[in-house]
Structures are given as C-alpha cells and as structure tokens.
Amino acid sequence: MKLQLAKWGNSLAVRLPVECTRAAGLREGDTVEAEVTPVGEIKLVPTHAFDKAAFLSRLGKLQAHMPMTTTTVEAIRQEDRY
C-alpha cells in the first residue's frame, strides 16, 4: 500500500488508513514508537500492550450481530471454497 507524505509544520506526516489502525488496535490519541531499521525501513509499534480481554469483548459484540445458524453453517460447508 502506497502512502503519501505531506508537510505538517516543519515535519512530514503520513496518514494511516483505517484498516491499518483497526488491525493494530489503534485509536485517535494513541501513541506509537517509530524505529528505522538498518536497511532503512520505518517500523511503527503501538506503545500499549495488546489488550486481549478488550479485543474479545469487542469481538463478542460484533458476533452478536452475526448469528451463525445451522442453515448458515451448512450453506458455507456446501460451497466450493470450504
């Protein structure tokens, strides 16, 4: 995924797509550690530890809106991709 740098004051900034921030569990106001590897790659790491309990809680709320019935499971199993 290509991201564009933009001027922000005397610095350069990059916007992170929502898909990336969601996957990393980041929200507005969170902090990340920036590291430049010996080969010149930029690595961003969230400064907070992954909260498994909070993640499972959010996952449970999402699953509540997506019930898996026997009919749904059987339909999935009959597809070629299963």
N, C-alpha and C. Protein backbone atom coordinates (compact mmCIF):
# COMPACT_ATOMS: atom_id res chain seq x y z
N MET A 1 0.85 -1.17 0.00
CA MET A 1 0.00 0.00 0.00
C MET A 1 0.90 1.23 0.00
N LYS A 2 0.67 2.09 -0.95
CA LYS A 2 1.46 3.33 -1.03
C LYS A 2 0.76 4.42 -0.25
N LEU A 3 1.54 5.15 0.56
CA LEU A 3 1.03 6.28 1.32
C LEU A 3 1.85 7.50 0.96
N GLN A 4 1.21 8.66 0.94
CA GLN A 4 1.88 9.89 0.54
C GLN A 4 2.27 10.70 1.77
N LEU A 5 3.48 11.24 1.75
CA LEU A 5 3.94 12.14 2.81
C LEU A 5 3.42 13.54 2.53
N ALA A 6 3.09 14.26 3.60
CA ALA A 6 2.61 15.63 3.46
C ALA A 6 3.31 16.51 4.50
N LYS A 7 3.44 17.77 4.21
CA LYS A 7 4.07 18.72 5.12
C LYS A 7 3.13 18.98 6.30
N TRP A 8 3.67 18.95 7.51
CA TRP A 8 2.90 19.27 8.72
C TRP A 8 3.82 20.08 9.62
N GLY A 9 3.68 21.40 9.55
CA GLY A 9 4.62 22.28 10.26
C GLY A 9 5.99 22.14 9.62
N ASN A 10 7.01 21.86 10.46
CA ASN A 10 8.37 21.66 9.95
C ASN A 10 8.67 20.17 9.73
N SER A 11 7.67 19.33 9.84
CA SER A 11 7.84 17.88 9.72
C SER A 11 7.09 17.34 8.50
N LEU A 12 7.27 16.06 8.27
CA LEU A 12 6.49 15.35 7.27
C LEU A 12 5.56 14.39 8.00
N ALA A 13 4.38 14.20 7.46
CA ALA A 13 3.39 13.32 8.10
C ALA A 13 2.83 12.36 7.07
N VAL A 14 2.32 11.23 7.56
CA VAL A 14 1.66 10.25 6.70
C VAL A 14 0.36 9.86 7.39
N ARG A 15 -0.70 9.72 6.61
CA ARG A 15 -1.99 9.28 7.17
C ARG A 15 -2.06 7.77 7.09
N LEU A 16 -2.53 7.16 8.15
CA LEU A 16 -2.67 5.71 8.18
C LEU A 16 -4.12 5.35 7.85
N PRO A 17 -4.33 4.46 6.90
CA PRO A 17 -5.69 4.05 6.56
C PRO A 17 -6.37 3.38 7.76
N VAL A 18 -7.67 3.52 7.84
CA VAL A 18 -8.43 2.98 8.97
C VAL A 18 -8.25 1.46 9.08
N GLU A 19 -8.07 0.77 7.96
CA GLU A 19 -7.87 -0.68 8.01
C GLU A 19 -6.61 -1.03 8.80
N CYS A 20 -5.57 -0.24 8.63
CA CYS A 20 -4.31 -0.47 9.35
C CYS A 20 -4.47 -0.19 10.84
N THR A 21 -5.12 0.92 11.16
CA THR A 21 -5.26 1.26 12.57
C THR A 21 -6.17 0.29 13.29
N ARG A 22 -7.22 -0.17 12.63
CA ARG A 22 -8.11 -1.16 13.25
C ARG A 22 -7.38 -2.46 13.50
N ALA A 23 -6.62 -2.91 12.52
CA ALA A 23 -5.89 -4.17 12.65
C ALA A 23 -4.87 -4.11 13.79
N ALA A 24 -4.30 -2.92 14.01
CA ALA A 24 -3.32 -2.75 15.08
C ALA A 24 -3.97 -2.38 16.41
N GLY A 25 -5.28 -2.16 16.39
CA GLY A 25 -5.98 -1.79 17.63
C GLY A 25 -5.70 -0.37 18.06
N LEU A 26 -5.41 0.51 17.10
CA LEU A 26 -5.09 1.91 17.42
C LEU A 26 -6.32 2.80 17.29
N ARG A 27 -6.34 3.83 18.13
CA ARG A 27 -7.40 4.83 18.08
C ARG A 27 -6.77 6.22 18.14
N GLU A 28 -7.56 7.21 17.81
CA GLU A 28 -7.06 8.59 17.87
C GLU A 28 -6.53 8.89 19.26
N GLY A 29 -5.36 9.48 19.32
CA GLY A 29 -4.75 9.83 20.60
C GLY A 29 -3.75 8.81 21.10
N ASP A 30 -3.76 7.59 20.54
CA ASP A 30 -2.78 6.57 20.93
C ASP A 30 -1.40 7.00 20.46
N THR A 31 -0.38 6.41 21.04
CA THR A 31 1.00 6.71 20.64
C THR A 31 1.65 5.46 20.06
N VAL A 32 2.62 5.69 19.19
CA VAL A 32 3.39 4.61 18.59
C VAL A 32 4.87 4.93 18.70
N GLU A 33 5.70 3.90 18.73
CA GLU A 33 7.15 4.05 18.68
C GLU A 33 7.58 3.94 17.23
N ALA A 34 8.40 4.86 16.77
CA ALA A 34 8.93 4.80 15.40
C ALA A 34 10.37 4.34 15.46
N GLU A 35 10.71 3.41 14.58
CA GLU A 35 12.06 2.86 14.53
C GLU A 35 12.48 2.77 13.08
N VAL A 36 13.72 3.12 12.79
CA VAL A 36 14.26 2.97 11.45
C VAL A 36 15.24 1.81 11.51
N THR A 37 14.99 0.80 10.69
CA THR A 37 15.83 -0.40 10.69
C THR A 37 17.13 -0.11 9.94
N PRO A 38 18.14 -0.97 10.10
CA PRO A 38 19.41 -0.76 9.39
C PRO A 38 19.28 -0.70 7.88
N VAL A 39 18.23 -1.29 7.31
CA VAL A 39 18.04 -1.24 5.85
C VAL A 39 17.15 -0.09 5.42
N GLY A 40 16.80 0.80 6.35
CA GLY A 40 16.04 2.00 6.01
C GLY A 40 14.53 1.86 6.09
N GLU A 41 14.03 0.74 6.60
CA GLU A 41 12.58 0.58 6.75
C GLU A 41 12.11 1.32 8.00
N ILE A 42 10.92 1.88 7.92
CA ILE A 42 10.32 2.56 9.07
C ILE A 42 9.31 1.62 9.69
N LYS A 43 9.46 1.40 10.98
CA LYS A 43 8.60 0.46 11.70
C LYS A 43 7.86 1.24 12.79
N LEU A 44 6.52 1.12 12.80
CA LEU A 44 5.70 1.75 13.83
C LEU A 44 5.14 0.66 14.74
N VAL A 45 5.31 0.83 16.05
CA VAL A 45 4.85 -0.17 17.01
C VAL A 45 4.00 0.55 18.06
N PRO A 46 2.78 0.07 18.32
CA PRO A 46 1.96 0.69 19.36
C PRO A 46 2.69 0.63 20.71
N THR A 47 2.58 1.70 21.48
CA THR A 47 3.27 1.71 22.78
C THR A 47 2.47 1.00 23.85
N HIS A 48 1.20 0.72 23.58
CA HIS A 48 0.40 -0.01 24.56
C HIS A 48 0.42 -1.49 24.23
N ALA A 49 0.31 -2.31 25.25
CA ALA A 49 0.26 -3.76 25.04
C ALA A 49 -1.10 -4.14 24.46
N PHE A 50 -1.13 -5.22 23.71
CA PHE A 50 -2.38 -5.71 23.16
C PHE A 50 -3.28 -6.17 24.30
N ASP A 51 -4.49 -5.62 24.37
CA ASP A 51 -5.44 -5.96 25.43
C ASP A 51 -6.38 -7.05 24.93
N LYS A 52 -6.02 -8.30 25.24
CA LYS A 52 -6.78 -9.43 24.73
C LYS A 52 -8.22 -9.41 25.24
N ALA A 53 -8.43 -9.06 26.51
CA ALA A 53 -9.78 -9.03 27.09
C ALA A 53 -10.66 -8.01 26.36
N ALA A 54 -10.12 -6.82 26.09
CA ALA A 54 -10.89 -5.79 25.38
C ALA A 54 -11.19 -6.23 23.95
N PHE A 55 -10.21 -6.88 23.32
CA PHE A 55 -10.41 -7.37 21.96
C PHE A 55 -11.52 -8.41 21.92
N LEU A 56 -11.49 -9.36 22.84
CA LEU A 56 -12.51 -10.40 22.87
C LEU A 56 -13.89 -9.83 23.18
N SER A 57 -13.93 -8.79 24.02
CA SER A 57 -15.20 -8.13 24.33
C SER A 57 -15.78 -7.49 23.07
N ARG A 58 -14.93 -6.76 22.31
CA ARG A 58 -15.39 -6.14 21.07
C ARG A 58 -15.82 -7.19 20.05
N LEU A 59 -15.08 -8.29 20.00
CA LEU A 59 -15.41 -9.37 19.08
C LEU A 59 -16.76 -9.99 19.43
N GLY A 60 -17.02 -10.18 20.72
CA GLY A 60 -18.31 -10.72 21.15
C GLY A 60 -19.46 -9.84 20.75
N LYS A 61 -19.28 -8.52 20.84
CA LYS A 61 -20.34 -7.59 20.44
C LYS A 61 -20.59 -7.67 18.93
N LEU A 62 -19.52 -7.84 18.15
CA LEU A 62 -19.69 -7.96 16.71
C LEU A 62 -20.39 -9.27 16.35
N GLN A 63 -20.01 -10.34 17.03
CA GLN A 63 -20.62 -11.64 16.74
C GLN A 63 -22.10 -11.67 17.08
N ALA A 64 -22.51 -10.87 18.04
CA ALA A 64 -23.92 -10.83 18.43
C ALA A 64 -24.80 -10.39 17.25
N HIS A 65 -24.22 -9.59 16.35
CA HIS A 65 -24.96 -9.10 15.19
C HIS A 65 -24.82 -10.02 13.98
N MET A 66 -24.05 -11.10 14.13
CA MET A 66 -23.83 -12.03 13.03
C MET A 66 -24.06 -13.46 13.51
N PRO A 67 -25.30 -13.80 13.83
CA PRO A 67 -25.54 -15.15 14.34
C PRO A 67 -25.29 -16.21 13.29
N MET A 68 -24.68 -17.30 13.71
CA MET A 68 -24.42 -18.43 12.82
C MET A 68 -25.44 -19.52 13.14
N THR A 69 -26.37 -19.70 12.26
CA THR A 69 -27.38 -20.73 12.45
C THR A 69 -26.94 -22.00 11.73
N THR A 70 -27.58 -23.08 12.03
CA THR A 70 -27.26 -24.34 11.36
C THR A 70 -27.39 -24.19 9.85
N THR A 71 -28.41 -23.49 9.39
CA THR A 71 -28.62 -23.27 7.97
C THR A 71 -27.44 -22.54 7.35
N THR A 72 -26.95 -21.51 8.02
CA THR A 72 -25.82 -20.74 7.51
C THR A 72 -24.57 -21.60 7.45
N VAL A 73 -24.32 -22.35 8.50
CA VAL A 73 -23.14 -23.22 8.53
C VAL A 73 -23.20 -24.26 7.43
N GLU A 74 -24.33 -24.87 7.24
CA GLU A 74 -24.47 -25.87 6.18
C GLU A 74 -24.28 -25.25 4.80
N ALA A 75 -24.78 -24.05 4.59
CA ALA A 75 -24.62 -23.37 3.30
C ALA A 75 -23.14 -23.10 3.04
N ILE A 76 -22.41 -22.70 4.05
CA ILE A 76 -20.98 -22.43 3.89
C ILE A 76 -20.24 -23.72 3.55
N ARG A 77 -20.57 -24.79 4.24
CA ARG A 77 -19.90 -26.08 4.01
C ARG A 77 -20.15 -26.62 2.60
N GLN A 78 -21.26 -26.26 2.00
CA GLN A 78 -21.59 -26.77 0.67
C GLN A 78 -20.89 -25.98 -0.44
N GLU A 79 -20.32 -24.84 -0.11
CA GLU A 79 -19.63 -24.04 -1.11
C GLU A 79 -18.31 -24.69 -1.46
N ASP A 80 -17.82 -24.42 -2.66
CA ASP A 80 -16.56 -24.99 -3.13
C ASP A 80 -15.36 -24.52 -2.31
N ARG A 81 -15.47 -23.34 -1.74
CA ARG A 81 -14.32 -22.76 -1.03
C ARG A 81 -14.10 -23.37 0.34
N TYR A 82 -15.06 -24.10 0.86
CA TYR A 82 -14.94 -24.64 2.22
C TYR A 82 -13.95 -25.76 2.27
